[in-house]
C-alpha atoms as a PDB file:
ATOM      1  CA  MET A   1      52.781 -31.795  31.916  1.00  0.00           C
ATOM      2  CA  ALA A   2      52.295 -30.988  35.585  1.00  0.00           C
ATOM      3  CA  ALA A   3      49.828 -28.385  36.674  1.00  0.00           C
ATOM      4  CA  MET A   4      51.213 -25.082  37.872  1.00  0.00           C
ATOM      5  CA  ASN A   5      50.973 -24.177  41.482  1.00  0.00           C
ATOM      6  CA  GLN A   6      48.737 -21.266  42.465  1.00  0.00           C
ATOM      7  CA  LYS A   7      51.677 -18.801  42.958  1.00  0.00           C
ATOM      8  CA  LYS A   8      52.901 -19.591  39.410  1.00  0.00           C
ATOM      9  CA  MET A   9      49.400 -19.171  38.021  1.00  0.00           C
ATOM     10  CA  VAL A  10      48.995 -15.837  39.745  1.00  0.00           C
ATOM     11  CA  GLU A  11      52.379 -14.703  38.363  1.00  0.00           C
ATOM     12  CA  LYS A  12      51.504 -15.739  34.819  1.00  0.00           C
ATOM     13  CA  LEU A  13      48.094 -14.171  34.978  1.00  0.00           C
ATOM     14  CA  ASN A  14      49.467 -10.960  36.387  1.00  0.00           C
ATOM     15  CA  ASP A  15      52.014 -10.818  33.494  1.00  0.00           C
ATOM     16  CA  ILE A  16      49.052 -11.075  31.078  1.00  0.00           C
ATOM     17  CA  ILE A  17      47.123  -8.408  33.023  1.00  0.00           C
ATOM     18  CA  ALA A  18      50.153  -6.053  32.783  1.00  0.00           C
ATOM     19  CA  LEU A  19      50.270  -6.642  29.007  1.00  0.00           C
ATOM     20  CA  ASP A  20      46.533  -5.945  28.677  1.00  0.00           C
ATOM     21  CA  TYR A  21      47.050  -2.695  30.647  1.00  0.00           C
ATOM     22  CA  ASP A  22      49.850  -1.852  28.131  1.00  0.00           C
ATOM     23  CA  ALA A  23      47.460  -2.571  25.268  1.00  0.00           C
ATOM     24  CA  VAL A  24      44.818  -0.225  26.753  1.00  0.00           C
ATOM     25  CA  GLY A  25      47.393   2.583  26.961  1.00  0.00           C
ATOM     26  CA  ALA A  26      48.738   1.883  23.480  1.00  0.00           C
ATOM     27  CA  TYR A  27      45.218   1.891  22.019  1.00  0.00           C
ATOM     28  CA  GLU A  28      44.448   5.194  23.740  1.00  0.00           C
ATOM     29  CA  ALA A  29      47.611   6.720  22.193  1.00  0.00           C
ATOM     30  CA  ALA A  30      46.647   5.469  18.752  1.00  0.00           C
ATOM     31  CA  ILE A  31      42.980   6.547  19.036  1.00  0.00           C
ATOM     32  CA  GLN A  32      43.911  10.035  20.027  1.00  0.00           C
ATOM     33  CA  ARG A  33      46.012  10.446  16.874  1.00  0.00           C
ATOM     34  CA  MET A  34      43.781   8.780  14.214  1.00  0.00           C
ATOM     35  CA  ASP A  35      41.527  10.895  12.013  1.00  0.00           C
ATOM     36  CA  VAL A  36      39.446   8.106  10.468  1.00  0.00           C
ATOM     37  CA  GLU A  37      36.332   7.721  12.540  1.00  0.00           C
ATOM     38  CA  PHE A  38      35.510   4.100  11.798  1.00  0.00           C
ATOM     39  CA  LEU A  39      39.040   3.072  12.709  1.00  0.00           C
ATOM     40  CA  ARG A  40      38.852   5.041  15.902  1.00  0.00           C
ATOM     41  CA  MET A  41      35.614   3.285  16.749  1.00  0.00           C
ATOM     42  CA  LYS A  42      37.120  -0.127  15.985  1.00  0.00           C
ATOM     43  CA  LEU A  43      40.222   0.513  18.004  1.00  0.00           C
ATOM     44  CA  ARG A  44      38.028   1.758  20.920  1.00  0.00           C
ATOM     45  CA  GLU A  45      36.141  -1.559  20.744  1.00  0.00           C
ATOM     46  CA  PHE A  46      39.454  -3.450  20.898  1.00  0.00           C
ATOM     47  CA  GLN A  47      40.568  -1.277  23.796  1.00  0.00           C
ATOM     48  CA  GLN A  48      37.338  -2.215  25.631  1.00  0.00           C
ATOM     49  CA  ASP A  49      38.140  -5.957  24.979  1.00  0.00           C
ATOM     50  CA  HIS A  50      41.458  -5.420  26.741  1.00  0.00           C
ATOM     51  CA  GLU A  51      39.722  -3.660  29.662  1.00  0.00           C
ATOM     52  CA  ARG A  52      37.384  -6.625  29.987  1.00  0.00           C
ATOM     53  CA  HIS A  53      40.381  -8.980  29.948  1.00  0.00           C
ATOM     54  CA  ILE A  54      41.934  -7.009  32.870  1.00  0.00           C
ATOM     55  CA  ARG A  55      38.677  -7.192  34.829  1.00  0.00           C
ATOM     56  CA  GLU A  56      38.137 -10.936  34.246  1.00  0.00           C
ATOM     57  CA  LEU A  57      41.759 -11.926  34.785  1.00  0.00           C
ATOM     58  CA  SER A  58      41.969  -9.745  37.944  1.00  0.00           C
ATOM     59  CA  GLN A  59      38.933 -11.523  39.290  1.00  0.00           C
ATOM     60  CA  THR A  60      40.543 -14.875  38.564  1.00  0.00           C
ATOM     61  CA  VAL A  61      43.810 -13.829  40.333  1.00  0.00           C
ATOM     62  CA  GLN A  62      41.719 -12.867  43.365  1.00  0.00           C
ATOM     63  CA  GLN A  63      39.926 -16.209  43.294  1.00  0.00           C
ATOM     64  CA  LEU A  64      43.367 -17.892  43.351  1.00  0.00           C
ATOM     65  CA  GLY A  65      44.214 -15.840  46.456  1.00  0.00           C
ATOM     66  CA  GLY A  66      46.547 -13.485  44.631  1.00  0.00           C
ATOM     67  CA  LYS A  67      46.732  -9.705  44.254  1.00  0.00           C
ATOM     68  CA  PRO A  68      46.044  -8.601  40.748  1.00  0.00           C
ATOM     69  CA  ARG A  69      48.262  -6.082  38.932  1.00  0.00           C
ATOM     70  CA  GLU A  70      46.732  -2.636  39.021  1.00  0.00           C
ATOM     71  CA  LYS A  71      48.907  -0.894  36.415  1.00  0.00           C
ATOM     72  CA  PRO A  72      51.068  -1.616  33.427  1.00  0.00           C
ATOM     73  CA  GLY A  73      54.613  -2.794  33.772  1.00  0.00           C
ATOM     74  CA  ALA A  74      57.642  -0.788  32.685  1.00  0.00           C
ATOM     75  CA  LYS A  75      57.153  -2.177  29.172  1.00  0.00           C
ATOM     76  CA  GLY A  76      53.780  -0.446  29.036  1.00  0.00           C
ATOM     77  CA  PHE A  77      55.262   3.045  29.139  1.00  0.00           C
ATOM     78  CA  ILE A  78      57.622   2.043  26.329  1.00  0.00           C
ATOM     79  CA  LEU A  79      54.774   0.570  24.234  1.00  0.00           C
ATOM     80  CA  LYS A  80      52.495   3.525  24.858  1.00  0.00           C
ATOM     81  CA  GLY A  81      55.280   5.965  24.108  1.00  0.00           C
ATOM     82  CA  PHE A  82      56.336   4.124  20.959  1.00  0.00           C
ATOM     83  CA  THR A  83      52.693   3.961  19.811  1.00  0.00           C
ATOM     84  CA  ALA A  84      52.231   7.661  20.489  1.00  0.00           C
ATOM     85  CA  VAL A  85      55.376   8.699  18.609  1.00  0.00           C
ATOM     86  CA  THR A  86      54.644   6.438  15.745  1.00  0.00           C
ATOM     87  CA  ALA A  87      50.945   7.403  15.657  1.00  0.00           C
ATOM     88  CA  MET A  88      51.996  11.077  15.152  1.00  0.00           C
ATOM     89  CA  MET A  89      53.086   9.992  11.737  1.00  0.00           C
ATOM     90  CA  GLY A  90      49.402   9.198  10.765  1.00  0.00           C
ATOM     91  CA  ASN A  91      46.835   6.434  10.460  1.00  0.00           C
ATOM     92  CA  GLU A  92      49.106   3.914   8.779  1.00  0.00           C
ATOM     93  CA  ALA A  93      51.909   4.301  11.305  1.00  0.00           C
ATOM     94  CA  ALA A  94      49.383   4.095  14.192  1.00  0.00           C
ATOM     95  CA  LEU A  95      48.081   0.808  12.735  1.00  0.00           C
ATOM     96  CA  GLN A  96      51.619  -0.473  12.223  1.00  0.00           C
ATOM     97  CA  ALA A  97      52.332   0.279  15.899  1.00  0.00           C
ATOM     98  CA  MET A  98      49.110  -1.447  17.017  1.00  0.00           C
ATOM     99  CA  ARG A  99      50.025  -4.441  14.786  1.00  0.00           C
ATOM    100  CA  GLY A 100      53.255  -4.874  16.758  1.00  0.00           C
ATOM    101  CA  ASN A 101      51.440  -4.563  20.079  1.00  0.00           C
ATOM    102  CA  GLU A 102      48.812  -7.157  18.951  1.00  0.00           C
ATOM    103  CA  LEU A 103      51.503  -9.562  17.726  1.00  0.00           C
ATOM    104  CA  LEU A 104      52.961  -9.354  21.230  1.00  0.00           C
ATOM    105  CA  THR A 105      49.593  -9.960  22.978  1.00  0.00           C
ATOM    106  CA  ASN A 106      48.847 -12.879  20.562  1.00  0.00           C
ATOM    107  CA  ARG A 107      52.201 -14.481  21.308  1.00  0.00           C
ATOM    108  CA  THR A 108      51.689 -14.040  25.039  1.00  0.00           C
ATOM    109  CA  TYR A 109      48.219 -15.612  25.101  1.00  0.00           C
ATOM    110  CA  ARG A 110      49.350 -18.436  22.827  1.00  0.00           C
ATOM    111  CA  SER A 111      52.268 -19.127  25.107  1.00  0.00           C
ATOM    112  CA  ALA A 112      50.040 -19.045  28.199  1.00  0.00           C
ATOM    113  CA  LEU A 113      47.796 -21.661  26.660  1.00  0.00           C
ATOM    114  CA  GLU A 114      50.698 -24.086  26.479  1.00  0.00           C
ATOM    115  CA  GLU A 115      50.594 -24.263  30.270  1.00  0.00           C
ATOM    116  CA  GLU A 116      48.313 -26.467  32.417  1.00  0.00           C
ATOM    117  CA  TRP A 117      45.284 -24.564  33.626  1.00  0.00           C
ATOM    118  CA  SER A 118      42.011 -25.427  35.256  1.00  0.00           C
ATOM    119  CA  ASP A 119      39.153 -25.681  32.728  1.00  0.00           C
ATOM    120  CA  ASP A 120      37.601 -22.365  33.725  1.00  0.00           C
ATOM    121  CA  ILE A 121      40.839 -20.448  33.514  1.00  0.00           C
ATOM    122  CA  ARG A 122      41.704 -22.127  30.126  1.00  0.00           C
ATOM    123  CA  THR A 123      38.302 -21.160  28.763  1.00  0.00           C
ATOM    124  CA  LEU A 124      38.855 -17.489  29.809  1.00  0.00           C
ATOM    125  CA  LEU A 125      42.358 -17.443  28.261  1.00  0.00           C
ATOM    126  CA  GLU A 126      41.078 -19.065  25.048  1.00  0.00           C
ATOM    127  CA  ARG A 127      38.286 -16.470  24.737  1.00  0.00           C
ATOM    128  CA  ASN A 128      40.754 -13.631  25.298  1.00  0.00           C
ATOM    129  CA  TYR A 129      43.118 -15.166  22.703  1.00  0.00           C
ATOM    130  CA  ARG A 130      40.289 -15.280  20.150  1.00  0.00           C
ATOM    131  CA  ASP A 131      39.783 -11.521  20.778  1.00  0.00           C
ATOM    132  CA  GLU A 132      43.503 -10.950  20.211  1.00  0.00           C
ATOM    133  CA  LYS A 133      43.438 -12.872  16.961  1.00  0.00           C
ATOM    134  CA  ARG A 134      40.400 -10.867  15.805  1.00  0.00           C
ATOM    135  CA  HIS A 135      42.209  -7.591  16.628  1.00  0.00           C
ATOM    136  CA  LEU A 136      45.293  -8.641  14.750  1.00  0.00           C
ATOM    137  CA  THR A 137      43.278  -9.834  11.719  1.00  0.00           C
ATOM    138  CA  PHE A 138      41.399  -6.526  11.504  1.00  0.00           C
ATOM    139  CA  ILE A 139      44.583  -4.446  11.863  1.00  0.00           C
ATOM    140  CA  GLU A 140      46.450  -6.524   9.242  1.00  0.00           C
ATOM    141  CA  GLU A 141      43.526  -6.365   6.816  1.00  0.00           C
ATOM    142  CA  SER A 142      43.226  -2.601   7.332  1.00  0.00           C
ATOM    143  CA  LEU A 143      46.937  -2.148   6.541  1.00  0.00           C
ATOM    144  CA  ARG A 144      46.752  -4.451   3.481  1.00  0.00           C
ATOM    145  CA  ASN A 145      43.716  -2.636   2.099  1.00  0.00           C
ATOM    146  CA  ARG A 146      44.938   0.842   3.144  1.00  0.00           C
ATOM    147  CA  VAL A 147      41.447   1.650   4.493  1.00  0.00           C
ATOM    148  CA  TRP A 148      42.361   5.155   5.743  1.00  0.00           C
ATOM    149  CA  GLU A 149      42.832   6.196   2.041  1.00  0.00           C
ATOM    150  CA  GLN A 150      39.363   4.845   1.138  1.00  0.00           C
ATOM    151  CA  ALA A 151      37.910   6.750   4.115  1.00  0.00           C
ATOM    152  CA  ALA A 152      39.617   9.955   2.855  1.00  0.00           C
ATOM    153  CA  HIS A 153      38.064   9.556  -0.600  1.00  0.00           C
ATOM    154  CA  PRO A 154      34.461   8.314  -0.250  1.00  0.00           C
END
């Protein structure tokens, strides 16, 4: 497989940055509507991971001579809006919406790792992908165990 040119690398990284911006907005919408404190704290931690991804990927885009994305794409408004509407239905619905968002970010990172990258960029993408998998695992386990019910009845 041939290595991507710099322009293509910048485009792909900017697509991921846009998705991470989307995730930050979606997490904010979900956090604002959850009433279980430990879930809010966990989602805030995941949101901070996405913010770190944006910073590190933006730095990489600049090192490649590109201009990093500075805001979410059109999909971001849809994701954030969908998350907000769904989250109004409660903790479970908010987690379901976040599960959908994390499935998308997981797919996007997995797909990006199929490309040829320099070692340092691959290492960064792999680390971010591990974060995404951890987010998805937590959300799926929380849904399976209905943790918001346990929190309501200590």
